[in-house]
């Protein structure tokens, strides 16, 4: 497991809202994995809140997924605070 894929005990990530947002945007987990260059399972686990794959999270942020759904890790909160 890489630094980008740290296992997390629990988050307040709102996976249901993220999935609704993805559905409205017309994007699926496989597409995110392809675009972000990561495994599909890592994207799925990141959305579920059991992983923090930074590439998948950054893609979600850059595409406009509301940050309140994402429970971003501290390093990403600092990096994205001005955006």
N, C-alpha and C. Protein backbone atom coordinates (compact mmCIF):
# COMPACT_ATOMS: atom_id res chain seq x y z
N UNK A 1 0.86 -1.17 0.00
CA UNK A 1 0.00 0.00 0.00
C UNK A 1 0.91 1.24 0.00
N UNK A 2 0.59 2.20 -0.86
CA UNK A 2 1.39 3.41 -0.95
C UNK A 2 0.92 4.44 0.05
N UNK A 3 1.69 5.54 0.17
CA UNK A 3 1.30 6.64 1.04
C UNK A 3 -0.06 7.19 0.66
N UNK A 4 -0.36 7.19 -0.65
CA UNK A 4 -1.63 7.73 -1.14
C UNK A 4 -2.83 6.87 -0.78
N UNK A 5 -2.59 5.66 -0.35
CA UNK A 5 -3.67 4.72 -0.11
C UNK A 5 -3.74 4.28 1.35
N UNK A 6 -3.40 5.16 2.26
CA UNK A 6 -3.41 4.81 3.67
C UNK A 6 -4.79 4.30 4.08
N UNK A 7 -4.79 3.20 4.79
CA UNK A 7 -6.04 2.66 5.31
C UNK A 7 -6.49 3.53 6.46
N UNK A 8 -7.79 3.77 6.53
CA UNK A 8 -8.34 4.64 7.55
C UNK A 8 -9.31 3.86 8.39
N UNK A 9 -9.34 4.09 9.69
CA UNK A 9 -10.28 3.37 10.55
C UNK A 9 -11.72 3.77 10.28
N UNK A 10 -11.95 5.06 10.06
CA UNK A 10 -13.33 5.53 9.88
C UNK A 10 -13.27 6.98 9.41
N UNK A 11 -14.19 7.36 8.53
CA UNK A 11 -14.27 8.76 8.12
C UNK A 11 -15.73 9.19 8.18
N UNK A 12 -15.91 10.44 7.96
CA UNK A 12 -17.25 10.96 7.83
C UNK A 12 -17.54 11.25 6.36
N UNK A 13 -16.87 10.52 5.49
CA UNK A 13 -17.07 10.67 4.05
C UNK A 13 -18.48 10.21 3.72
N UNK A 14 -19.18 11.02 2.96
CA UNK A 14 -20.57 10.72 2.63
C UNK A 14 -20.63 10.02 1.28
N UNK A 15 -20.42 8.71 1.29
CA UNK A 15 -20.34 7.94 0.05
C UNK A 15 -21.63 7.99 -0.76
N UNK A 16 -22.76 8.02 -0.08
CA UNK A 16 -24.03 8.08 -0.82
C UNK A 16 -24.14 9.38 -1.60
N UNK A 17 -23.78 10.49 -0.98
CA UNK A 17 -23.84 11.78 -1.68
C UNK A 17 -22.81 11.85 -2.80
N UNK A 18 -21.64 11.27 -2.58
CA UNK A 18 -20.62 11.24 -3.63
C UNK A 18 -21.14 10.46 -4.83
N UNK A 19 -21.76 9.32 -4.57
CA UNK A 19 -22.30 8.49 -5.66
C UNK A 19 -23.42 9.20 -6.40
N UNK A 20 -24.28 9.92 -5.69
CA UNK A 20 -25.34 10.70 -6.34
C UNK A 20 -24.70 11.78 -7.21
N UNK A 21 -23.69 12.46 -6.68
CA UNK A 21 -22.99 13.50 -7.42
C UNK A 21 -22.38 12.92 -8.70
N UNK A 22 -21.74 11.75 -8.58
CA UNK A 22 -21.15 11.09 -9.75
C UNK A 22 -22.21 10.72 -10.77
N UNK A 23 -23.34 10.21 -10.31
CA UNK A 23 -24.43 9.84 -11.20
C UNK A 23 -24.93 11.06 -11.97
N UNK A 24 -25.14 12.16 -11.27
CA UNK A 24 -25.59 13.40 -11.93
C UNK A 24 -24.57 13.90 -12.93
N UNK A 25 -23.30 13.69 -12.63
CA UNK A 25 -22.23 14.13 -13.53
C UNK A 25 -22.04 13.15 -14.69
N UNK A 26 -22.58 11.94 -14.56
CA UNK A 26 -22.46 10.95 -15.63
C UNK A 26 -21.11 10.25 -15.66
N UNK A 27 -20.50 10.12 -14.48
CA UNK A 27 -19.18 9.50 -14.37
C UNK A 27 -19.28 8.29 -13.45
N UNK A 28 -18.54 7.24 -13.78
CA UNK A 28 -18.54 6.08 -12.90
C UNK A 28 -17.15 5.83 -12.33
N UNK A 29 -17.06 4.92 -11.41
CA UNK A 29 -15.81 4.64 -10.70
C UNK A 29 -14.71 4.17 -11.65
N UNK A 30 -15.07 3.38 -12.63
CA UNK A 30 -14.09 2.90 -13.60
C UNK A 30 -13.46 4.05 -14.37
N UNK A 31 -14.28 5.03 -14.75
CA UNK A 31 -13.74 6.20 -15.47
C UNK A 31 -12.80 7.00 -14.60
N UNK A 32 -13.16 7.19 -13.33
CA UNK A 32 -12.29 7.93 -12.41
C UNK A 32 -10.95 7.21 -12.29
N UNK A 33 -11.00 5.90 -12.13
CA UNK A 33 -9.78 5.10 -12.01
C UNK A 33 -8.89 5.29 -13.24
N UNK A 34 -9.50 5.23 -14.41
CA UNK A 34 -8.74 5.38 -15.66
C UNK A 34 -8.11 6.77 -15.74
N UNK A 35 -8.90 7.80 -15.48
CA UNK A 35 -8.41 9.18 -15.58
C UNK A 35 -7.35 9.46 -14.52
N UNK A 36 -7.57 8.99 -13.30
CA UNK A 36 -6.63 9.26 -12.20
C UNK A 36 -5.41 8.33 -12.23
N UNK A 37 -5.49 7.27 -13.02
CA UNK A 37 -4.37 6.33 -13.12
C UNK A 37 -4.20 5.45 -11.89
N UNK A 38 -5.34 5.03 -11.32
CA UNK A 38 -5.30 4.17 -10.13
C UNK A 38 -6.24 2.98 -10.34
N UNK A 39 -6.13 2.02 -9.46
CA UNK A 39 -6.99 0.83 -9.53
C UNK A 39 -8.43 1.19 -9.16
N UNK A 40 -9.37 0.53 -9.82
CA UNK A 40 -10.79 0.76 -9.56
C UNK A 40 -11.14 0.52 -8.09
N UNK A 41 -10.57 -0.53 -7.51
CA UNK A 41 -10.87 -0.85 -6.11
C UNK A 41 -10.41 0.27 -5.17
N UNK A 42 -9.31 0.94 -5.52
CA UNK A 42 -8.84 2.05 -4.68
C UNK A 42 -9.81 3.22 -4.74
N UNK A 43 -10.38 3.48 -5.91
CA UNK A 43 -11.37 4.55 -6.03
C UNK A 43 -12.61 4.18 -5.23
N UNK A 44 -13.06 2.96 -5.37
CA UNK A 44 -14.25 2.50 -4.67
C UNK A 44 -14.06 2.59 -3.15
N UNK A 45 -12.92 2.14 -2.66
CA UNK A 45 -12.65 2.17 -1.22
C UNK A 45 -12.45 3.60 -0.73
N UNK A 46 -11.91 4.46 -1.57
CA UNK A 46 -11.75 5.87 -1.21
C UNK A 46 -13.12 6.52 -1.07
N UNK A 47 -14.02 6.26 -2.00
CA UNK A 47 -15.37 6.82 -1.92
C UNK A 47 -16.09 6.28 -0.68
N UNK A 48 -15.86 5.01 -0.37
CA UNK A 48 -16.50 4.39 0.80
C UNK A 48 -15.91 4.91 2.12
N UNK A 49 -14.71 5.49 2.05
CA UNK A 49 -14.10 6.04 3.25
C UNK A 49 -13.14 5.10 3.96
N UNK A 50 -12.79 3.99 3.34
CA UNK A 50 -11.86 3.06 3.97
C UNK A 50 -10.43 3.26 3.46
N UNK A 51 -10.25 4.10 2.46
CA UNK A 51 -8.93 4.47 1.93
C UNK A 51 -8.93 5.96 1.65
N UNK A 52 -7.73 6.50 1.48
CA UNK A 52 -7.55 7.90 1.12
C UNK A 52 -6.64 7.98 -0.10
N UNK A 53 -7.10 7.52 -1.22
CA UNK A 53 -6.27 7.61 -2.42
C UNK A 53 -6.26 9.06 -2.88
N UNK A 54 -5.10 9.70 -2.75
CA UNK A 54 -5.00 11.14 -3.03
C UNK A 54 -5.34 11.48 -4.49
N UNK A 55 -4.97 10.61 -5.42
CA UNK A 55 -5.28 10.89 -6.83
C UNK A 55 -6.78 10.88 -7.07
N UNK A 56 -7.48 9.92 -6.51
CA UNK A 56 -8.93 9.85 -6.67
C UNK A 56 -9.60 11.04 -5.99
N UNK A 57 -9.16 11.36 -4.77
CA UNK A 57 -9.74 12.50 -4.06
C UNK A 57 -9.47 13.80 -4.80
N UNK A 58 -8.25 13.96 -5.34
CA UNK A 58 -7.93 15.18 -6.06
C UNK A 58 -8.79 15.30 -7.31
N UNK A 59 -9.06 14.18 -7.98
CA UNK A 59 -9.92 14.23 -9.16
C UNK A 59 -11.32 14.70 -8.75
N UNK A 60 -11.85 14.15 -7.67
CA UNK A 60 -13.18 14.55 -7.20
C UNK A 60 -13.22 16.04 -6.88
N UNK A 61 -12.20 16.54 -6.18
CA UNK A 61 -12.13 17.96 -5.84
C UNK A 61 -12.05 18.81 -7.11
N UNK A 62 -11.17 18.42 -8.03
CA UNK A 62 -10.97 19.22 -9.24
C UNK A 62 -12.21 19.25 -10.14
N UNK A 63 -13.03 18.22 -10.05
CA UNK A 63 -14.25 18.18 -10.86
C UNK A 63 -15.45 18.82 -10.17
N UNK A 64 -15.24 19.27 -8.93
CA UNK A 64 -16.30 20.02 -8.25
C UNK A 64 -17.14 19.27 -7.25
N UNK A 65 -16.72 18.07 -6.86
CA UNK A 65 -17.47 17.35 -5.82
C UNK A 65 -17.40 18.18 -4.54
N UNK A 66 -18.54 18.44 -3.92
CA UNK A 66 -18.52 19.24 -2.69
C UNK A 66 -17.60 18.65 -1.63
N UNK A 67 -16.69 19.48 -1.13
CA UNK A 67 -15.71 19.01 -0.15
C UNK A 67 -16.37 18.50 1.12
N UNK A 68 -17.56 19.00 1.43
CA UNK A 68 -18.24 18.53 2.65
C UNK A 68 -18.60 17.05 2.55
N UNK A 69 -18.67 16.50 1.33
CA UNK A 69 -18.93 15.07 1.17
C UNK A 69 -17.67 14.22 1.36
N UNK A 70 -16.50 14.84 1.17
CA UNK A 70 -15.27 14.08 1.01
C UNK A 70 -14.47 13.78 2.27
N UNK A 71 -14.64 14.54 3.34
CA UNK A 71 -13.83 14.36 4.55
C UNK A 71 -12.36 14.22 4.16
N UNK A 72 -11.83 15.25 3.51
CA UNK A 72 -10.46 15.21 3.01
C UNK A 72 -9.45 15.04 4.14
N UNK A 73 -8.37 14.30 3.88
CA UNK A 73 -7.30 14.18 4.86
C UNK A 73 -6.70 15.57 5.12
N UNK A 74 -6.07 15.75 6.27
CA UNK A 74 -5.55 17.06 6.67
C UNK A 74 -4.63 17.68 5.63
N UNK A 75 -3.72 16.89 5.05
CA UNK A 75 -2.79 17.46 4.07
C UNK A 75 -3.53 18.00 2.85
N UNK A 76 -4.62 17.37 2.45
CA UNK A 76 -5.39 17.85 1.31
C UNK A 76 -6.26 19.04 1.69
N UNK A 77 -6.70 19.10 2.93
CA UNK A 77 -7.48 20.25 3.38
C UNK A 77 -6.62 21.51 3.32
N UNK A 78 -5.39 21.39 3.77
CA UNK A 78 -4.46 22.54 3.73
C UNK A 78 -4.16 22.93 2.30
N UNK A 79 -3.91 21.95 1.45
CA UNK A 79 -3.54 22.21 0.06
C UNK A 79 -4.70 22.82 -0.71
N UNK A 80 -5.93 22.43 -0.41
CA UNK A 80 -7.10 22.89 -1.15
C UNK A 80 -7.86 24.01 -0.44
N UNK A 81 -7.34 24.51 0.66
CA UNK A 81 -8.08 25.51 1.43
C UNK A 81 -8.28 26.80 0.66
N UNK A 82 -7.41 27.13 -0.24
CA UNK A 82 -7.55 28.37 -1.00
C UNK A 82 -8.38 28.23 -2.25
N UNK A 83 -8.88 27.04 -2.52
CA UNK A 83 -9.62 26.82 -3.77
C UNK A 83 -11.10 26.85 -3.51
